[in-house]
Amino acid sequence: MPGKLYIVPTPVGNLSDMTFRAVEVLKGADLILAEDTRTSSVLLKHYDIHVPLQSHHKFNEHQTAGIIKEKILAGANVALISDAGTPGISDPGFLLARTCAAEGITVETLPGATACIPALVSSGLPCDRFCFEGFLPQKKGRQTLLKQLAEETRTMVFYESPFRLVKTLEQFIQYFGAGRECSVAREISKIHEEHVRGTLDEVAGWFRTHEPKGEIVIVVAGLGNRKNRGRETEERDNETEKIQR
């Protein structure tokens, strides 16, 4: 009888964010796949989990996905974790999940930690409708995507490196406008968690003089959700109000 693939979220900061069920699943697995075994060893030691650990990351996932699939078909229960958060969300996981699903293997994903949702909810920007863009392309296709996103009406969520944060905010100013509202969340669920809110111009100015460190999530208002709206946006809102009446 085939086993299961469990996709298990791990804390993005505080180790206490681990769920009881996640610990139980990891303890009951026959094999744990980890993005970085050194990082994951700290978590497993903290929760007294003694299960064989194997590397599974973006540089080897194409080679290992088929092998893992065969182990699960042979009856092994395999748990996939990443360094932090939910595997598959800007982390390895999609390829293995697709490979197993195509074979009819049960893929069971546990709910749990992810950086984008706390950043979105804490931003103060509309979160009833949003789009998650993850990391923007570094070169090819970046400008084209930014031009498209300039017309996006939903709140947008991005991941970014602290080393590229200011440059990215400056590009957002170029394509979205300096007055677009945004929030930058840094080090979510960690000791030095920080949320900087304001217009893109204000937030970029803050980080030009305060060097950003740690994991970064940028939340940007969609077109029409700005507090400092131009005449065109106000007219659009007025038309919407007339329709609603």
C-alpha atoms as a PDB file:
ATOM      1  CA  MET A   1       0.000   0.000   0.000  1.00  0.00           C
ATOM      2  CA  PRO A   2       1.488   3.394  -0.945  1.00  0.00           C
ATOM      3  CA  GLY A   3       2.367   5.955   1.679  1.00  0.00           C
ATOM      4  CA  LYS A   4       1.636   9.673   1.699  1.00  0.00           C
ATOM      5  CA  LEU A   5       3.478  12.875   0.972  1.00  0.00           C
ATOM      6  CA  TYR A   6       2.978  15.345   3.806  1.00  0.00           C
ATOM      7  CA  ILE A   7       3.812  18.994   3.159  1.00  0.00           C
ATOM      8  CA  VAL A   8       4.556  20.491   6.559  1.00  0.00           C
ATOM      9  CA  PRO A   9       4.916  24.221   7.299  1.00  0.00           C
ATOM     10  CA  THR A  10       7.625  25.204   9.767  1.00  0.00           C
ATOM     11  CA  PRO A  11       7.992  28.442  11.795  1.00  0.00           C
ATOM     12  CA  VAL A  12       9.140  31.569   9.990  1.00  0.00           C
ATOM     13  CA  GLY A  13      10.512  32.892  13.270  1.00  0.00           C
ATOM     14  CA  ASN A  14       9.477  31.786  16.741  1.00  0.00           C
ATOM     15  CA  LEU A  15       9.840  28.014  17.115  1.00  0.00           C
ATOM     16  CA  SER A  16       6.671  27.982  19.217  1.00  0.00           C
ATOM     17  CA  ASP A  17       4.682  28.689  16.055  1.00  0.00           C
ATOM     18  CA  MET A  18       5.021  24.996  15.179  1.00  0.00           C
ATOM     19  CA  THR A  19       1.630  23.225  15.388  1.00  0.00           C
ATOM     20  CA  PHE A  20       1.004  20.091  17.461  1.00  0.00           C
ATOM     21  CA  ARG A  21      -0.092  18.251  14.332  1.00  0.00           C
ATOM     22  CA  ALA A  22       3.056  19.221  12.438  1.00  0.00           C
ATOM     23  CA  VAL A  23       5.203  17.743  15.204  1.00  0.00           C
ATOM     24  CA  GLU A  24       3.121  14.538  15.215  1.00  0.00           C
ATOM     25  CA  VAL A  25       3.405  14.145  11.445  1.00  0.00           C
ATOM     26  CA  LEU A  26       7.162  14.672  11.465  1.00  0.00           C
ATOM     27  CA  LYS A  27       7.636  12.176  14.299  1.00  0.00           C
ATOM     28  CA  GLY A  28       5.556   9.599  12.438  1.00  0.00           C
ATOM     29  CA  ALA A  29       7.233  10.009   9.053  1.00  0.00           C
ATOM     30  CA  ASP A  30       9.664   7.479   7.616  1.00  0.00           C
ATOM     31  CA  LEU A  31      11.700  10.221   5.948  1.00  0.00           C
ATOM     32  CA  ILE A  32      11.882  14.011   6.203  1.00  0.00           C
ATOM     33  CA  LEU A  33      12.951  16.064   3.190  1.00  0.00           C
ATOM     34  CA  ALA A  34      14.538  19.390   4.104  1.00  0.00           C
ATOM     35  CA  GLU A  35      15.668  22.377   2.082  1.00  0.00           C
ATOM     36  CA  ASP A  36      18.763  22.694   4.304  1.00  0.00           C
ATOM     37  CA  THR A  37      19.423  19.800   6.676  1.00  0.00           C
ATOM     38  CA  ARG A  38      21.558  21.986   8.952  1.00  0.00           C
ATOM     39  CA  THR A  39      18.754  24.498   9.469  1.00  0.00           C
ATOM     40  CA  SER A  40      16.102  21.817   9.904  1.00  0.00           C
ATOM     41  CA  SER A  41      18.243  19.837  12.354  1.00  0.00           C
ATOM     42  CA  VAL A  42      17.840  22.676  14.860  1.00  0.00           C
ATOM     43  CA  LEU A  43      14.043  22.459  14.607  1.00  0.00           C
ATOM     44  CA  LEU A  44      13.971  18.672  14.832  1.00  0.00           C
ATOM     45  CA  LYS A  45      16.266  18.659  17.844  1.00  0.00           C
ATOM     46  CA  HIS A  46      14.078  21.252  19.576  1.00  0.00           C
ATOM     47  CA  TYR A  47      11.034  18.970  19.219  1.00  0.00           C
ATOM     48  CA  ASP A  48      12.916  15.727  19.881  1.00  0.00           C
ATOM     49  CA  ILE A  49      12.230  14.361  16.407  1.00  0.00           C
ATOM     50  CA  HIS A  50      14.504  11.501  15.345  1.00  0.00           C
ATOM     51  CA  VAL A  51      13.659  10.679  11.730  1.00  0.00           C
ATOM     52  CA  PRO A  52      16.096  10.268   8.816  1.00  0.00           C
ATOM     53  CA  LEU A  53      16.697  13.607   7.099  1.00  0.00           C
ATOM     54  CA  GLN A  54      17.475  14.114   3.412  1.00  0.00           C
ATOM     55  CA  SER A  55      18.229  17.227   1.353  1.00  0.00           C
ATOM     56  CA  HIS A  56      15.598  18.346  -1.135  1.00  0.00           C
ATOM     57  CA  HIS A  57      16.198  21.784  -2.636  1.00  0.00           C
ATOM     58  CA  LYS A  58      15.952  23.697  -5.902  1.00  0.00           C
ATOM     59  CA  PHE A  59      19.302  22.386  -7.129  1.00  0.00           C
ATOM     60  CA  ASN A  60      18.455  18.677  -6.806  1.00  0.00           C
ATOM     61  CA  GLU A  61      14.638  18.432  -6.803  1.00  0.00           C
ATOM     62  CA  HIS A  62      14.471  17.391 -10.469  1.00  0.00           C
ATOM     63  CA  GLN A  63      16.763  14.457  -9.709  1.00  0.00           C
ATOM     64  CA  THR A  64      15.196  13.431  -6.385  1.00  0.00           C
ATOM     65  CA  ALA A  65      11.449  13.867  -7.078  1.00  0.00           C
ATOM     66  CA  GLY A  66      11.200  10.592  -9.005  1.00  0.00           C
ATOM     67  CA  ILE A  67      13.181   8.681  -6.409  1.00  0.00           C
ATOM     68  CA  ILE A  68      11.004  10.003  -3.583  1.00  0.00           C
ATOM     69  CA  LYS A  69       7.878   9.129  -5.555  1.00  0.00           C
ATOM     70  CA  GLU A  70       9.025   5.507  -5.794  1.00  0.00           C
ATOM     71  CA  LYS A  71       9.700   5.361  -2.046  1.00  0.00           C
ATOM     72  CA  ILE A  72       6.193   6.594  -1.314  1.00  0.00           C
ATOM     73  CA  LEU A  73       4.676   4.112  -3.771  1.00  0.00           C
ATOM     74  CA  ALA A  74       6.592   1.412  -1.894  1.00  0.00           C
ATOM     75  CA  GLY A  75       4.854   2.430   1.346  1.00  0.00           C
ATOM     76  CA  ALA A  76       6.985   5.180   2.894  1.00  0.00           C
ATOM     77  CA  ASN A  77       5.387   8.220   4.480  1.00  0.00           C
ATOM     78  CA  VAL A  78       7.479  11.239   3.526  1.00  0.00           C
ATOM     79  CA  ALA A  79       7.289  14.724   5.040  1.00  0.00           C
ATOM     80  CA  LEU A  80       8.574  17.747   3.152  1.00  0.00           C
ATOM     81  CA  ILE A  81       9.689  20.871   5.019  1.00  0.00           C
ATOM     82  CA  SER A  82      11.531  24.032   3.991  1.00  0.00           C
ATOM     83  CA  ASP A  83      13.810  26.315   5.979  1.00  0.00           C
ATOM     84  CA  ALA A  84      10.795  28.380   7.046  1.00  0.00           C
ATOM     85  CA  GLY A  85       7.128  28.631   6.140  1.00  0.00           C
ATOM     86  CA  THR A  86       5.108  26.452   3.785  1.00  0.00           C
ATOM     87  CA  PRO A  87       7.006  24.449   1.131  1.00  0.00           C
ATOM     88  CA  GLY A  88       6.055  25.369  -2.417  1.00  0.00           C
ATOM     89  CA  ILE A  89       5.503  29.054  -1.608  1.00  0.00           C
ATOM     90  CA  SER A  90       8.698  30.575  -3.034  1.00  0.00           C
ATOM     91  CA  ASP A  91      10.429  27.408  -1.779  1.00  0.00           C
ATOM     92  CA  PRO A  92      10.942  23.892  -3.201  1.00  0.00           C
ATOM     93  CA  GLY A  93       7.843  21.726  -3.097  1.00  0.00           C
ATOM     94  CA  PHE A  94       5.775  22.285  -6.234  1.00  0.00           C
ATOM     95  CA  LEU A  95       7.641  19.763  -8.383  1.00  0.00           C
ATOM     96  CA  LEU A  96       7.442  16.952  -5.828  1.00  0.00           C
ATOM     97  CA  ALA A  97       3.767  17.639  -5.098  1.00  0.00           C
ATOM     98  CA  ARG A  98       2.957  17.570  -8.825  1.00  0.00           C
ATOM     99  CA  THR A  99       4.972  14.400  -9.390  1.00  0.00           C
ATOM    100  CA  CYS A 100       3.204  12.586  -6.557  1.00  0.00           C
ATOM    101  CA  ALA A 101      -0.251  13.890  -7.453  1.00  0.00           C
ATOM    102  CA  ALA A 102       0.214  12.680 -11.044  1.00  0.00           C
ATOM    103  CA  GLU A 103       0.827   9.169  -9.674  1.00  0.00           C
ATOM    104  CA  GLY A 104      -2.316   9.243  -7.552  1.00  0.00           C
ATOM    105  CA  ILE A 105      -0.315   9.550  -4.328  1.00  0.00           C
ATOM    106  CA  THR A 106      -2.108  11.370  -1.512  1.00  0.00           C
ATOM    107  CA  VAL A 107      -0.553  14.798  -0.984  1.00  0.00           C
ATOM    108  CA  GLU A 108      -1.614  16.138   2.400  1.00  0.00           C
ATOM    109  CA  THR A 109      -0.661  19.745   3.169  1.00  0.00           C
ATOM    110  CA  LEU A 110      -0.905  20.911   6.753  1.00  0.00           C
ATOM    111  CA  PRO A 111      -2.020  24.486   7.448  1.00  0.00           C
ATOM    112  CA  GLY A 112       0.566  26.577   9.221  1.00  0.00           C
ATOM    113  CA  ALA A 113       3.168  29.280   9.111  1.00  0.00           C
ATOM    114  CA  THR A 114       3.819  31.500   6.116  1.00  0.00           C
ATOM    115  CA  ALA A 115       5.275  35.016   6.013  1.00  0.00           C
ATOM    116  CA  CYS A 116       2.943  36.561   3.441  1.00  0.00           C
ATOM    117  CA  ILE A 117      -0.363  36.319   5.355  1.00  0.00           C
ATOM    118  CA  PRO A 118       0.783  37.993   8.623  1.00  0.00           C
ATOM    119  CA  ALA A 119       2.446  40.747   6.572  1.00  0.00           C
ATOM    120  CA  LEU A 120      -0.719  41.289   4.546  1.00  0.00           C
ATOM    121  CA  VAL A 121      -3.097  41.344   7.502  1.00  0.00           C
ATOM    122  CA  SER A 122      -0.809  43.630   9.538  1.00  0.00           C
ATOM    123  CA  SER A 123      -0.341  46.083   6.672  1.00  0.00           C
ATOM    124  CA  GLY A 124      -3.664  47.843   7.163  1.00  0.00           C
ATOM    125  CA  LEU A 125      -4.287  47.530   3.415  1.00  0.00           C
ATOM    126  CA  PRO A 126      -7.333  45.729   1.990  1.00  0.00           C
ATOM    127  CA  CYS A 127      -6.855  41.975   2.351  1.00  0.00           C
ATOM    128  CA  ASP A 128     -10.196  40.654   1.134  1.00  0.00           C
ATOM    129  CA  ARG A 129      -8.687  40.367  -2.350  1.00  0.00           C
ATOM    130  CA  PHE A 130      -4.960  40.178  -3.028  1.00  0.00           C
ATOM    131  CA  CYS A 131      -2.385  38.693  -5.383  1.00  0.00           C
ATOM    132  CA  PHE A 132       0.827  37.018  -4.282  1.00  0.00           C
ATOM    133  CA  GLU A 133       3.759  37.723  -6.601  1.00  0.00           C
ATOM    134  CA  GLY A 134       6.576  36.241  -4.515  1.00  0.00           C
ATOM    135  CA  PHE A 135      10.038  37.225  -5.743  1.00  0.00           C
ATOM    136  CA  LEU A 136      10.041  39.387  -8.876  1.00  0.00           C
ATOM    137  CA  PRO A 137      12.206  38.260 -11.820  1.00  0.00           C
ATOM    138  CA  GLN A 138      15.672  39.707 -11.408  1.00  0.00           C
ATOM    139  CA  LYS A 139      16.230  40.539 -15.066  1.00  0.00           C
ATOM    140  CA  LYS A 140      14.170  39.101 -17.927  1.00  0.00           C
ATOM    141  CA  GLY A 141      10.522  40.039 -17.724  1.00  0.00           C
ATOM    142  CA  ARG A 142      10.808  42.291 -14.672  1.00  0.00           C
ATOM    143  CA  GLN A 143       9.871  45.567 -16.378  1.00  0.00           C
ATOM    144  CA  THR A 144       7.050  43.933 -18.325  1.00  0.00           C
ATOM    145  CA  LEU A 145       5.591  42.489 -15.135  1.00  0.00           C
ATOM    146  CA  LEU A 146       5.857  45.796 -13.273  1.00  0.00           C
ATOM    147  CA  LYS A 147       4.002  47.558 -16.095  1.00  0.00           C
ATOM    148  CA  GLN A 148       1.212  44.990 -15.810  1.00  0.00           C
ATOM    149  CA  LEU A 149       1.071  45.231 -12.019  1.00  0.00           C
ATOM    150  CA  ALA A 150       0.738  49.024 -12.203  1.00  0.00           C
ATOM    151  CA  GLU A 151      -2.878  48.381 -13.267  1.00  0.00           C
ATOM    152  CA  GLU A 152      -3.545  45.681 -10.643  1.00  0.00           C
ATOM    153  CA  THR A 153      -6.435  46.690  -8.390  1.00  0.00           C
ATOM    154  CA  ARG A 154      -5.880  44.037  -5.724  1.00  0.00           C
ATOM    155  CA  THR A 155      -3.386  44.433  -2.889  1.00  0.00           C
ATOM    156  CA  MET A 156      -0.043  42.972  -3.984  1.00  0.00           C
ATOM    157  CA  VAL A 157       2.363  40.909  -1.870  1.00  0.00           C
ATOM    158  CA  PHE A 158       6.039  40.471  -2.711  1.00  0.00           C
ATOM    159  CA  TYR A 159       9.045  38.759  -1.145  1.00  0.00           C
ATOM    160  CA  GLU A 160      12.384  40.556  -1.378  1.00  0.00           C
ATOM    161  CA  SER A 161      15.959  40.352  -0.206  1.00  0.00           C
ATOM    162  CA  PRO A 162      17.061  43.104   2.209  1.00  0.00           C
ATOM    163  CA  PHE A 163      19.945  43.826  -0.155  1.00  0.00           C
ATOM    164  CA  ARG A 164      17.534  44.644  -3.013  1.00  0.00           C
ATOM    165  CA  LEU A 165      14.746  46.251  -0.994  1.00  0.00           C
ATOM    166  CA  VAL A 166      15.513  49.921  -1.663  1.00  0.00           C
ATOM    167  CA  LYS A 167      16.063  49.324  -5.376  1.00  0.00           C
ATOM    168  CA  THR A 168      12.761  47.468  -5.616  1.00  0.00           C
ATOM    169  CA  LEU A 169      10.873  50.210  -3.755  1.00  0.00           C
ATOM    170  CA  GLU A 170      12.377  52.775  -6.112  1.00  0.00           C
ATOM    171  CA  GLN A 171      11.171  50.742  -9.086  1.00  0.00           C
ATOM    172  CA  PHE A 172       7.718  50.558  -7.528  1.00  0.00           C
ATOM    173  CA  ILE A 173       7.751  54.350  -7.282  1.00  0.00           C
ATOM    174  CA  GLN A 174       8.657  54.518 -10.962  1.00  0.00           C
ATOM    175  CA  TYR A 175       5.864  52.192 -12.096  1.00  0.00           C
ATOM    176  CA  PHE A 176       3.181  52.592  -9.389  1.00  0.00           C
ATOM    177  CA  GLY A 177       3.710  56.210  -8.326  1.00  0.00           C
ATOM    178  CA  ALA A 178       5.327  57.703  -5.215  1.00  0.00           C
ATOM    179  CA  GLY A 179       2.004  58.117  -3.412  1.00  0.00           C
ATOM    180  CA  ARG A 180       0.931  54.471  -3.552  1.00  0.00           C
ATOM    181  CA  GLU A 181       0.425  53.094  -0.021  1.00  0.00           C
ATOM    182  CA  CYS A 182       2.614  50.217   1.119  1.00  0.00           C
ATOM    183  CA  SER A 183       3.907  48.328   4.120  1.00  0.00           C
ATOM    184  CA  VAL A 184       7.227  46.547   4.548  1.00  0.00           C
ATOM    185  CA  ALA A 185       7.277  43.744   7.111  1.00  0.00           C
ATOM    186  CA  ARG A 186      10.623  42.590   8.376  1.00  0.00           C
ATOM    187  CA  GLU A 187      11.568  39.559  10.507  1.00  0.00           C
ATOM    188  CA  ILE A 188       8.002  38.338  11.070  1.00  0.00           C
ATOM    189  CA  SER A 189       7.571  36.337  14.290  1.00  0.00           C
ATOM    190  CA  LYS A 190      11.122  37.119  15.377  1.00  0.00           C
ATOM    191  CA  ILE A 191      12.494  39.309  18.160  1.00  0.00           C
ATOM    192  CA  HIS A 192      13.147  42.284  15.890  1.00  0.00           C
ATOM    193  CA  GLU A 193       9.879  42.163  13.925  1.00  0.00           C
ATOM    194  CA  GLU A 194       9.162  45.513  12.296  1.00  0.00           C
ATOM    195  CA  HIS A 195       6.425  46.989  10.092  1.00  0.00           C
ATOM    196  CA  VAL A 196       7.093  50.231   8.209  1.00  0.00           C
ATOM    197  CA  ARG A 197       3.966  51.744   6.661  1.00  0.00           C
ATOM    198  CA  GLY A 198       3.351  54.785   4.474  1.00  0.00           C
ATOM    199  CA  THR A 199       3.602  55.801   0.850  1.00  0.00           C
ATOM    200  CA  LEU A 200       6.203  54.146  -1.343  1.00  0.00           C
ATOM    201  CA  ASP A 201       8.183  57.391  -1.231  1.00  0.00           C
ATOM    202  CA  GLU A 202       8.087  57.528   2.585  1.00  0.00           C
ATOM    203  CA  VAL A 203       8.966  53.876   3.082  1.00  0.00           C
ATOM    204  CA  ALA A 204      11.804  53.996   0.542  1.00  0.00           C
ATOM    205  CA  GLY A 205      13.154  57.069   2.326  1.00  0.00           C
ATOM    206  CA  TRP A 206      13.093  55.239   5.662  1.00  0.00           C
ATOM    207  CA  PHE A 207      15.102  52.297   4.365  1.00  0.00           C
ATOM    208  CA  ARG A 208      17.616  54.532   2.612  1.00  0.00           C
ATOM    209  CA  THR A 209      18.711  55.681   6.065  1.00  0.00           C
ATOM    210  CA  HIS A 210      17.901  52.497   8.032  1.00  0.00           C
ATOM    211  CA  GLU A 211      19.669  49.470   6.576  1.00  0.00           C
ATOM    212  CA  PRO A 212      17.146  46.613   6.219  1.00  0.00           C
ATOM    213  CA  LYS A 213      18.043  43.189   7.575  1.00  0.00           C
ATOM    214  CA  GLY A 214      16.342  39.812   7.693  1.00  0.00           C
ATOM    215  CA  GLU A 215      13.395  38.385   5.782  1.00  0.00           C
ATOM    216  CA  ILE A 216      11.316  40.996   3.917  1.00  0.00           C
ATOM    217  CA  VAL A 217       7.694  41.065   2.751  1.00  0.00           C
ATOM    218  CA  ILE A 218       6.412  44.073   0.787  1.00  0.00           C
ATOM    219  CA  VAL A 219       2.680  44.751   0.646  1.00  0.00           C
ATOM    220  CA  VAL A 220       1.524  47.366  -1.887  1.00  0.00           C
ATOM    221  CA  ALA A 221      -1.966  48.787  -2.370  1.00  0.00           C
ATOM    222  CA  GLY A 222      -3.634  48.071  -5.662  1.00  0.00           C
ATOM    223  CA  LEU A 223      -4.644  50.809  -8.074  1.00  0.00           C
ATOM    224  CA  GLY A 224      -7.556  52.701  -6.558  1.00  0.00           C
ATOM    225  CA  ASN A 225      -6.745  51.712  -2.953  1.00  0.00           C
ATOM    226  CA  ARG A 226      -4.461  54.651  -2.210  1.00  0.00           C
ATOM    227  CA  LYS A 227      -5.191  57.025   0.631  1.00  0.00           C
ATOM    228  CA  ASN A 228      -3.693  59.935  -1.294  1.00  0.00           C
ATOM    229  CA  ARG A 229      -5.756  59.502  -4.431  1.00  0.00           C
ATOM    230  CA  GLY A 230      -5.537  61.554  -7.583  1.00  0.00           C
ATOM    231  CA  ARG A 231      -8.521  63.102  -9.341  1.00  0.00           C
ATOM    232  CA  GLU A 232      -8.878  60.161 -11.704  1.00  0.00           C
ATOM    233  CA  THR A 233      -9.196  57.666  -8.860  1.00  0.00           C
ATOM    234  CA  GLU A 234     -11.664  59.879  -6.969  1.00  0.00           C
ATOM    235  CA  GLU A 235     -13.833  60.155 -10.063  1.00  0.00           C
ATOM    236  CA  ARG A 236     -13.792  56.377 -10.416  1.00  0.00           C
ATOM    237  CA  ASP A 237     -14.914  56.009  -6.792  1.00  0.00           C
ATOM    238  CA  ASN A 238     -17.689  58.551  -7.297  1.00  0.00           C
ATOM    239  CA  GLU A 239     -18.987  56.581 -10.261  1.00  0.00           C
ATOM    240  CA  THR A 240     -18.925  53.385  -8.157  1.00  0.00           C
ATOM    241  CA  GLU A 241     -20.922  55.109  -5.394  1.00  0.00           C
ATOM    242  CA  LYS A 242     -23.549  56.230  -7.922  1.00  0.00           C
ATOM    243  CA  ILE A 243     -23.941  52.656  -9.154  1.00  0.00           C
ATOM    244  CA  GLN A 244     -24.271  51.327  -5.603  1.00  0.00           C
ATOM    245  CA  ARG A 245     -27.036  53.853  -4.846  1.00  0.00           C
END
